[in-house]
PDB file of all heavy atoms in Angstrom:
ATOM      1  N   SER A   1     -18.481   4.370  64.585  1.00  0.00           N
ATOM      2  CA  SER A   1     -17.070   4.250  64.955  1.00  0.00           C
ATOM      3  C   SER A   1     -16.657   5.343  65.944  1.00  0.00           C
ATOM      4  O   SER A   1     -15.902   5.109  66.879  1.00  0.00           O
ATOM      5  CB  SER A   1     -16.177   4.298  63.716  1.00  0.00           C
ATOM      6  OG  SER A   1     -16.318   5.539  63.044  1.00  0.00           O
ATOM      7  N   GLY A   2     -17.162   6.574  65.739  1.00  0.00           N
ATOM      8  CA  GLY A   2     -16.944   7.646  66.702  1.00  0.00           C
ATOM      9  C   GLY A   2     -15.518   8.145  66.814  1.00  0.00           C
ATOM     10  O   GLY A   2     -15.148   8.760  67.813  1.00  0.00           O
ATOM     11  N   ASN A   3     -14.673   7.907  65.848  1.00  0.00           N
ATOM     12  CA  ASN A   3     -13.294   8.394  65.899  1.00  0.00           C
ATOM     13  C   ASN A   3     -12.798   8.604  64.476  1.00  0.00           C
ATOM     14  O   ASN A   3     -13.598   8.749  63.551  1.00  0.00           O
ATOM     15  CB  ASN A   3     -12.399   7.412  66.673  1.00  0.00           C
ATOM     16  CG  ASN A   3     -12.576   5.982  66.175  1.00  0.00           C
ATOM     17  OD1 ASN A   3     -12.655   5.756  64.966  1.00  0.00           O
ATOM     18  ND2 ASN A   3     -12.642   5.027  67.106  1.00  0.00           N
ATOM     19  N   LEU A   4     -11.464   8.609  64.324  1.00  0.00           N
ATOM     20  CA  LEU A   4     -10.901   8.857  62.996  1.00  0.00           C
ATOM     21  C   LEU A   4     -11.258   7.776  61.984  1.00  0.00           C
ATOM     22  O   LEU A   4     -11.081   7.969  60.777  1.00  0.00           O
ATOM     23  CB  LEU A   4      -9.380   8.990  63.103  1.00  0.00           C
ATOM     24  CG  LEU A   4      -8.877  10.255  63.817  1.00  0.00           C
ATOM     25  CD1 LEU A   4      -7.352  10.234  63.915  1.00  0.00           C
ATOM     26  CD2 LEU A   4      -9.348  11.507  63.080  1.00  0.00           C
ATOM     27  N   LEU A   5     -11.760   6.648  62.474  1.00  0.00           N
ATOM     28  CA  LEU A   5     -12.198   5.605  61.535  1.00  0.00           C
ATOM     29  C   LEU A   5     -13.314   6.106  60.627  1.00  0.00           C
ATOM     30  O   LEU A   5     -13.550   5.534  59.561  1.00  0.00           O
ATOM     31  CB  LEU A   5     -12.666   4.373  62.313  1.00  0.00           C
ATOM     32  CG  LEU A   5     -11.586   3.511  62.980  1.00  0.00           C
ATOM     33  CD1 LEU A   5     -12.229   2.400  63.788  1.00  0.00           C
ATOM     34  CD2 LEU A   5     -10.634   2.938  61.932  1.00  0.00           C
ATOM     35  N   ALA A   6     -13.981   7.179  61.066  1.00  0.00           N
ATOM     36  CA  ALA A   6     -15.052   7.730  60.242  1.00  0.00           C
ATOM     37  C   ALA A   6     -14.549   8.159  58.873  1.00  0.00           C
ATOM     38  O   ALA A   6     -15.310   8.190  57.896  1.00  0.00           O
ATOM     39  CB  ALA A   6     -15.710   8.909  60.949  1.00  0.00           C
ATOM     40  N   LEU A   7     -13.260   8.486  58.772  1.00  0.00           N
ATOM     41  CA  LEU A   7     -12.709   8.887  57.478  1.00  0.00           C
ATOM     42  C   LEU A   7     -12.766   7.753  56.465  1.00  0.00           C
ATOM     43  O   LEU A   7     -12.834   7.995  55.255  1.00  0.00           O
ATOM     44  CB  LEU A   7     -11.256   9.351  57.667  1.00  0.00           C
ATOM     45  CG  LEU A   7     -11.060  10.625  58.506  1.00  0.00           C
ATOM     46  CD1 LEU A   7      -9.571  10.903  58.698  1.00  0.00           C
ATOM     47  CD2 LEU A   7     -11.749  11.805  57.835  1.00  0.00           C
ATOM     48  N   PHE A   8     -12.727   6.509  56.962  1.00  0.00           N
ATOM     49  CA  PHE A   8     -12.822   5.380  56.042  1.00  0.00           C
ATOM     50  C   PHE A   8     -14.195   5.327  55.362  1.00  0.00           C
ATOM     51  O   PHE A   8     -14.359   4.730  54.300  1.00  0.00           O
ATOM     52  CB  PHE A   8     -12.563   4.054  56.774  1.00  0.00           C
ATOM     53  CG  PHE A   8     -11.129   3.826  57.118  1.00  0.00           C
ATOM     54  CD1 PHE A   8     -10.660   4.062  58.402  1.00  0.00           C
ATOM     55  CD2 PHE A   8     -10.227   3.385  56.150  1.00  0.00           C
ATOM     56  CE1 PHE A   8      -9.321   3.849  58.721  1.00  0.00           C
ATOM     57  CE2 PHE A   8      -8.901   3.172  56.467  1.00  0.00           C
ATOM     58  CZ  PHE A   8      -8.446   3.406  57.749  1.00  0.00           C
ATOM     59  N   GLY A   9     -15.167   5.968  56.001  1.00  0.00           N
ATOM     60  CA  GLY A   9     -16.497   5.999  55.400  1.00  0.00           C
ATOM     61  C   GLY A   9     -16.519   6.715  54.065  1.00  0.00           C
ATOM     62  O   GLY A   9     -17.343   6.404  53.202  1.00  0.00           O
ATOM     63  N   ILE A  10     -15.605   7.676  53.893  1.00  0.00           N
ATOM     64  CA  ILE A  10     -15.530   8.376  52.603  1.00  0.00           C
ATOM     65  C   ILE A  10     -15.146   7.394  51.500  1.00  0.00           C
ATOM     66  O   ILE A  10     -15.703   7.404  50.406  1.00  0.00           O
ATOM     67  CB  ILE A  10     -14.515   9.531  52.684  1.00  0.00           C
ATOM     68  CG1 ILE A  10     -14.940  10.539  53.747  1.00  0.00           C
ATOM     69  CG2 ILE A  10     -14.353  10.200  51.320  1.00  0.00           C
ATOM     70  CD1 ILE A  10     -13.911  11.623  54.012  1.00  0.00           C
ATOM     71  N   GLY A  11     -14.202   6.518  51.826  1.00  0.00           N
ATOM     72  CA  GLY A  11     -13.784   5.527  50.838  1.00  0.00           C
ATOM     73  C   GLY A  11     -14.860   4.498  50.557  1.00  0.00           C
ATOM     74  O   GLY A  11     -15.085   4.130  49.404  1.00  0.00           O
ATOM     75  N   THR A  12     -15.543   4.032  51.617  1.00  0.00           N
ATOM     76  CA  THR A  12     -16.555   2.996  51.394  1.00  0.00           C
ATOM     77  C   THR A  12     -17.759   3.534  50.619  1.00  0.00           C
ATOM     78  O   THR A  12     -18.335   2.824  49.794  1.00  0.00           O
ATOM     79  CB  THR A  12     -17.017   2.397  52.726  1.00  0.00           C
ATOM     80  OG1 THR A  12     -17.487   3.436  53.592  1.00  0.00           O
ATOM     81  CG2 THR A  12     -15.888   1.635  53.391  1.00  0.00           C
ATOM     82  N   VAL A  13     -18.142   4.788  50.875  1.00  0.00           N
ATOM     83  CA  VAL A  13     -19.265   5.341  50.122  1.00  0.00           C
ATOM     84  C   VAL A  13     -18.875   5.563  48.659  1.00  0.00           C
ATOM     85  O   VAL A  13     -19.694   5.396  47.751  1.00  0.00           O
ATOM     86  CB  VAL A  13     -19.780   6.648  50.764  1.00  0.00           C
ATOM     87  CG1 VAL A  13     -18.849   7.814  50.506  1.00  0.00           C
ATOM     88  CG2 VAL A  13     -21.177   6.964  50.266  1.00  0.00           C
ATOM     89  N   ALA A  14     -17.599   5.910  48.419  1.00  0.00           N
ATOM     90  CA  ALA A  14     -17.131   6.067  47.041  1.00  0.00           C
ATOM     91  C   ALA A  14     -17.145   4.722  46.310  1.00  0.00           C
ATOM     92  O   ALA A  14     -17.620   4.615  45.170  1.00  0.00           O
ATOM     93  CB  ALA A  14     -15.729   6.666  47.023  1.00  0.00           C
ATOM     94  N   PHE A  15     -16.639   3.686  46.989  1.00  0.00           N
ATOM     95  CA  PHE A  15     -16.667   2.356  46.390  1.00  0.00           C
ATOM     96  C   PHE A  15     -18.110   1.876  46.192  1.00  0.00           C
ATOM     97  O   PHE A  15     -18.427   1.210  45.206  1.00  0.00           O
ATOM     98  CB  PHE A  15     -15.902   1.351  47.257  1.00  0.00           C
ATOM     99  CG  PHE A  15     -14.426   1.335  47.019  1.00  0.00           C
ATOM    100  CD1 PHE A  15     -13.543   1.830  47.974  1.00  0.00           C
ATOM    101  CD2 PHE A  15     -13.908   0.827  45.829  1.00  0.00           C
ATOM    102  CE1 PHE A  15     -12.177   1.818  47.749  1.00  0.00           C
ATOM    103  CE2 PHE A  15     -12.548   0.813  45.601  1.00  0.00           C
ATOM    104  CZ  PHE A  15     -11.668   1.305  46.562  1.00  0.00           C
ATOM    105  N   GLY A  16     -18.982   2.216  47.131  1.00  0.00           N
ATOM    106  CA  GLY A  16     -20.387   1.843  46.990  1.00  0.00           C
ATOM    107  C   GLY A  16     -21.022   2.462  45.764  1.00  0.00           C
ATOM    108  O   GLY A  16     -21.782   1.814  45.039  1.00  0.00           O
ATOM    109  N   PHE A  17     -20.681   3.738  45.515  1.00  0.00           N
ATOM    110  CA  PHE A  17     -21.218   4.413  44.331  1.00  0.00           C
ATOM    111  C   PHE A  17     -20.693   3.774  43.053  1.00  0.00           C
ATOM    112  O   PHE A  17     -21.447   3.520  42.105  1.00  0.00           O
ATOM    113  CB  PHE A  17     -20.841   5.899  44.372  1.00  0.00           C
ATOM    114  CG  PHE A  17     -21.258   6.664  43.158  1.00  0.00           C
ATOM    115  CD1 PHE A  17     -22.585   6.989  42.930  1.00  0.00           C
ATOM    116  CD2 PHE A  17     -20.311   7.051  42.207  1.00  0.00           C
ATOM    117  CE1 PHE A  17     -22.973   7.682  41.793  1.00  0.00           C
ATOM    118  CE2 PHE A  17     -20.687   7.747  41.069  1.00  0.00           C
ATOM    119  CZ  PHE A  17     -22.025   8.065  40.865  1.00  0.00           C
ATOM    120  N   VAL A  18     -19.382   3.486  43.027  1.00  0.00           N
ATOM    121  CA  VAL A  18     -18.776   2.867  41.845  1.00  0.00           C
ATOM    122  C   VAL A  18     -19.383   1.498  41.586  1.00  0.00           C
ATOM    123  O   VAL A  18     -19.723   1.157  40.445  1.00  0.00           O
ATOM    124  CB  VAL A  18     -17.247   2.758  42.017  1.00  0.00           C
ATOM    125  CG1 VAL A  18     -16.640   1.907  40.902  1.00  0.00           C
ATOM    126  CG2 VAL A  18     -16.607   4.141  42.030  1.00  0.00           C
ATOM    127  N   PHE A  19     -19.562   0.711  42.641  1.00  0.00           N
ATOM    128  CA  PHE A  19     -20.111  -0.625  42.458  1.00  0.00           C
ATOM    129  C   PHE A  19     -21.603  -0.595  42.138  1.00  0.00           C
ATOM    130  O   PHE A  19     -22.121  -1.535  41.542  1.00  0.00           O
ATOM    131  CB  PHE A  19     -19.844  -1.487  43.699  1.00  0.00           C
ATOM    132  CG  PHE A  19     -18.526  -2.215  43.628  1.00  0.00           C
ATOM    133  CD1 PHE A  19     -17.363  -1.608  44.072  1.00  0.00           C
ATOM    134  CD2 PHE A  19     -18.444  -3.489  43.091  1.00  0.00           C
ATOM    135  CE1 PHE A  19     -16.135  -2.256  43.994  1.00  0.00           C
ATOM    136  CE2 PHE A  19     -17.226  -4.145  43.006  1.00  0.00           C
ATOM    137  CZ  PHE A  19     -16.070  -3.541  43.458  1.00  0.00           C
ATOM    138  N   THR A  20     -22.285   0.481  42.512  1.00  0.00           N
ATOM    139  CA  THR A  20     -23.675   0.634  42.074  1.00  0.00           C
ATOM    140  C   THR A  20     -23.737   0.791  40.565  1.00  0.00           C
ATOM    141  O   THR A  20     -24.561   0.165  39.884  1.00  0.00           O
ATOM    142  CB  THR A  20     -24.324   1.852  42.757  1.00  0.00           C
ATOM    143  OG1 THR A  20     -24.363   1.634  44.173  1.00  0.00           O
ATOM    144  CG2 THR A  20     -25.749   2.055  42.258  1.00  0.00           C
ATOM    145  N   LEU A  21     -22.845   1.636  40.025  1.00  0.00           N
ATOM    146  CA  LEU A  21     -22.775   1.784  38.561  1.00  0.00           C
ATOM    147  C   LEU A  21     -22.394   0.471  37.906  1.00  0.00           C
ATOM    148  O   LEU A  21     -22.945   0.094  36.861  1.00  0.00           O
ATOM    149  CB  LEU A  21     -21.762   2.880  38.201  1.00  0.00           C
ATOM    150  CG  LEU A  21     -22.081   4.289  38.687  1.00  0.00           C
ATOM    151  CD1 LEU A  21     -20.964   5.253  38.270  1.00  0.00           C
ATOM    152  CD2 LEU A  21     -23.424   4.760  38.140  1.00  0.00           C
ATOM    153  N   PHE A  22     -21.450  -0.234  38.515  1.00  0.00           N
ATOM    154  CA  PHE A  22     -21.029  -1.527  37.973  1.00  0.00           C
ATOM    155  C   PHE A  22     -22.173  -2.541  38.033  1.00  0.00           C
ATOM    156  O   PHE A  22     -22.352  -3.342  37.104  1.00  0.00           O
ATOM    157  CB  PHE A  22     -19.829  -2.054  38.754  1.00  0.00           C
ATOM    158  CG  PHE A  22     -19.278  -3.349  38.216  1.00  0.00           C
ATOM    159  CD1 PHE A  22     -18.617  -3.391  36.999  1.00  0.00           C
ATOM    160  CD2 PHE A  22     -19.438  -4.530  38.929  1.00  0.00           C
ATOM    161  CE1 PHE A  22     -18.121  -4.589  36.496  1.00  0.00           C
ATOM    162  CE2 PHE A  22     -18.944  -5.734  38.437  1.00  0.00           C
ATOM    163  CZ  PHE A  22     -18.286  -5.760  37.214  1.00  0.00           C
ATOM    164  N   GLU A  23     -22.967  -2.488  39.076  1.00  0.00           N
ATOM    165  CA  GLU A  23     -24.102  -3.414  39.208  1.00  0.00           C
ATOM    166  C   GLU A  23     -25.156  -3.135  38.143  1.00  0.00           C
ATOM    167  O   GLU A  23     -25.800  -4.060  37.638  1.00  0.00           O
ATOM    168  CB  GLU A  23     -24.708  -3.302  40.603  1.00  0.00           C
ATOM    169  CG  GLU A  23     -25.753  -4.343  40.926  1.00  0.00           C
ATOM    170  CD  GLU A  23     -25.198  -5.749  41.041  1.00  0.00           C
ATOM    171  OE1 GLU A  23     -23.966  -5.942  40.922  1.00  0.00           O
ATOM    172  OE2 GLU A  23     -26.001  -6.678  41.226  1.00  0.00           O
ATOM    173  N   ILE A  24     -25.348  -1.873  37.779  1.00  0.00           N
ATOM    174  CA  ILE A  24     -26.258  -1.539  36.682  1.00  0.00           C
ATOM    175  C   ILE A  24     -25.735  -2.132  35.379  1.00  0.00           C
ATOM    176  O   ILE A  24     -26.500  -2.711  34.589  1.00  0.00           O
ATOM    177  CB  ILE A  24     -26.420  -0.006  36.566  1.00  0.00           C
ATOM    178  CG1 ILE A  24     -27.128   0.545  37.809  1.00  0.00           C
ATOM    179  CG2 ILE A  24     -27.200   0.362  35.304  1.00  0.00           C
ATOM    180  CD1 ILE A  24     -27.169   2.058  37.862  1.00  0.00           C
ATOM    181  N   PHE A  25     -24.437  -2.000  35.161  1.00  0.00           N
ATOM    182  CA  PHE A  25     -23.821  -2.588  33.966  1.00  0.00           C
ATOM    183  C   PHE A  25     -24.008  -4.109  33.957  1.00  0.00           C
ATOM    184  O   PHE A  25     -24.359  -4.697  32.929  1.00  0.00           O
ATOM    185  CB  PHE A  25     -22.333  -2.233  33.926  1.00  0.00           C
ATOM    186  CG  PHE A  25     -21.556  -2.986  32.882  1.00  0.00           C
ATOM    187  CD1 PHE A  25     -21.679  -2.675  31.534  1.00  0.00           C
ATOM    188  CD2 PHE A  25     -20.701  -4.021  33.253  1.00  0.00           C
ATOM    189  CE1 PHE A  25     -20.974  -3.374  30.572  1.00  0.00           C
ATOM    190  CE2 PHE A  25     -19.987  -4.728  32.303  1.00  0.00           C
ATOM    191  CZ  PHE A  25     -20.129  -4.412  30.956  1.00  0.00           C
ATOM    192  N   VAL A  26     -23.795  -4.750  35.102  1.00  0.00           N
ATOM    193  CA  VAL A  26     -23.953  -6.202  35.197  1.00  0.00           C
ATOM    194  C   VAL A  26     -25.404  -6.595  34.946  1.00  0.00           C
ATOM    195  O   VAL A  26     -25.680  -7.617  34.304  1.00  0.00           O
ATOM    196  CB  VAL A  26     -23.476  -6.710  36.572  1.00  0.00           C
ATOM    197  CG1 VAL A  26     -23.861  -8.182  36.787  1.00  0.00           C
ATOM    198  CG2 VAL A  26     -21.965  -6.545  36.700  1.00  0.00           C
ATOM    199  N   ALA A  27     -26.347  -5.797  35.438  1.00  0.00           N
ATOM    200  CA  ALA A  27     -27.762  -6.089  35.225  1.00  0.00           C
ATOM    201  C   ALA A  27     -28.103  -6.126  33.740  1.00  0.00           C
ATOM    202  O   ALA A  27     -28.794  -7.030  33.259  1.00  0.00           O
ATOM    203  CB  ALA A  27     -28.627  -5.051  35.944  1.00  0.00           C
ATOM    204  N   VAL A  28     -27.590  -5.134  33.006  1.00  0.00           N
ATOM    205  CA  VAL A  28     -27.827  -5.093  31.557  1.00  0.00           C
ATOM    206  C   VAL A  28     -27.092  -6.238  30.865  1.00  0.00           C
ATOM    207  O   VAL A  28     -27.643  -6.916  29.992  1.00  0.00           O
ATOM    208  CB  VAL A  28     -27.372  -3.737  30.980  1.00  0.00           C
ATOM    209  CG1 VAL A  28     -27.555  -3.713  29.464  1.00  0.00           C
ATOM    210  CG2 VAL A  28     -28.137  -2.596  31.631  1.00  0.00           C
ATOM    211  N   LEU A  29     -25.845  -6.468  31.268  1.00  0.00           N
ATOM    212  CA  LEU A  29     -25.035  -7.512  30.641  1.00  0.00           C
ATOM    213  C   LEU A  29     -25.662  -8.890  30.840  1.00  0.00           C
ATOM    214  O   LEU A  29     -25.726  -9.693  29.895  1.00  0.00           O
ATOM    215  CB  LEU A  29     -23.621  -7.490  31.224  1.00  0.00           C
ATOM    216  CG  LEU A  29     -22.643  -8.539  30.667  1.00  0.00           C
ATOM    217  CD1 LEU A  29     -22.414  -8.318  29.177  1.00  0.00           C
ATOM    218  CD2 LEU A  29     -21.318  -8.498  31.432  1.00  0.00           C
ATOM    219  N   GLN A  30     -26.138  -9.178  32.045  1.00  0.00           N
ATOM    220  CA  GLN A  30     -26.735 -10.484  32.302  1.00  0.00           C
ATOM    221  C   GLN A  30     -28.033 -10.678  31.524  1.00  0.00           C
ATOM    222  O   GLN A  30     -28.334 -11.788  31.085  1.00  0.00           O
ATOM    223  CB  GLN A  30     -26.978 -10.658  33.799  1.00  0.00           C
ATOM    224  CG  GLN A  30     -25.722 -10.883  34.608  1.00  0.00           C
ATOM    225  CD  GLN A  30     -24.940 -12.100  34.132  1.00  0.00           C
ATOM    226  OE1 GLN A  30     -25.480 -13.179  33.946  1.00  0.00           O
ATOM    227  NE2 GLN A  30     -23.641 -11.922  33.910  1.00  0.00           N
ATOM    228  N   ALA A  31     -28.806  -9.612  31.347  1.00  0.00           N
ATOM    229  CA  ALA A  31     -30.015  -9.706  30.524  1.00  0.00           C
ATOM    230  C   ALA A  31     -29.644 -10.025  29.083  1.00  0.00           C
ATOM    231  O   ALA A  31     -30.275 -10.874  28.423  1.00  0.00           O
ATOM    232  CB  ALA A  31     -30.803  -8.399  30.597  1.00  0.00           C
ATOM    233  N   TYR A  32     -28.602  -9.365  28.592  1.00  0.00           N
ATOM    234  CA  TYR A  32     -28.143  -9.619  27.222  1.00  0.00           C
ATOM    235  C   TYR A  32     -27.606 -11.041  27.075  1.00  0.00           C
ATOM    236  O   TYR A  32     -27.951 -11.748  26.124  1.00  0.00           O
ATOM    237  CB  TYR A  32     -27.070  -8.599  26.853  1.00  0.00           C
ATOM    238  CG  TYR A  32     -26.401  -8.867  25.522  1.00  0.00           C
ATOM    239  CD1 TYR A  32     -27.107  -8.731  24.331  1.00  0.00           C
ATOM    240  CD2 TYR A  32     -25.062  -9.253  25.460  1.00  0.00           C
ATOM    241  CE1 TYR A  32     -26.494  -8.977  23.108  1.00  0.00           C
ATOM    242  CE2 TYR A  32     -24.451  -9.499  24.254  1.00  0.00           C
ATOM    243  CZ  TYR A  32     -25.165  -9.361  23.083  1.00  0.00           C
ATOM    244  OH  TYR A  32     -24.564  -9.612  21.868  1.00  0.00           O
ATOM    245  N   VAL A  33     -26.772 -11.475  28.014  1.00  0.00           N
ATOM    246  CA  VAL A  33     -26.177 -12.807  27.944  1.00  0.00           C
ATOM    247  C   VAL A  33     -27.248 -13.889  28.009  1.00  0.00           C
ATOM    248  O   VAL A  33     -27.201 -14.874  27.255  1.00  0.00           O
ATOM    249  CB  VAL A  33     -25.141 -12.991  29.069  1.00  0.00           C
ATOM    250  CG1 VAL A  33     -24.718 -14.454  29.193  1.00  0.00           C
ATOM    251  CG2 VAL A  33     -23.920 -12.120  28.816  1.00  0.00           C
ATOM    252  N   PHE A  34     -28.218 -13.716  28.896  1.00  0.00           N
ATOM    253  CA  PHE A  34     -29.253 -14.748  29.047  1.00  0.00           C
ATOM    254  C   PHE A  34     -30.081 -14.869  27.770  1.00  0.00           C
ATOM    255  O   PHE A  34     -30.342 -15.985  27.288  1.00  0.00           O
ATOM    256  CB  PHE A  34     -30.161 -14.415  30.224  1.00  0.00           C
ATOM    257  CG  PHE A  34     -30.824 -15.622  30.831  1.00  0.00           C
ATOM    258  CD1 PHE A  34     -30.381 -16.134  32.040  1.00  0.00           C
ATOM    259  CD2 PHE A  34     -31.880 -16.252  30.201  1.00  0.00           C
ATOM    260  CE1 PHE A  34     -30.981 -17.253  32.604  1.00  0.00           C
ATOM    261  CE2 PHE A  34     -32.487 -17.368  30.742  1.00  0.00           C
ATOM    262  CZ  PHE A  34     -32.038 -17.874  31.954  1.00  0.00           C
ATOM    263  N   SER A  35     -30.511 -13.742  27.208  1.00  0.00           N
ATOM    264  CA  SER A  35     -31.291 -13.796  25.968  1.00  0.00           C
ATOM    265  C   SER A  35     -30.430 -14.277  24.808  1.00  0.00           C
ATOM    266  O   SER A  35     -30.903 -15.022  23.937  1.00  0.00           O
ATOM    267  CB  SER A  35     -31.896 -12.425  25.652  1.00  0.00           C
ATOM    268  OG  SER A  35     -30.887 -11.435  25.553  1.00  0.00           O
TER     269      SER A  35
END
């Protein structure tokens, strides 16, 4: 982006981290639900 839009990257990386944790939870949940 090369400008102030770079600040939005802080938010997207934070959301990426949160959704990574959520994806781990979903991985376990789907294994439980399927079995």
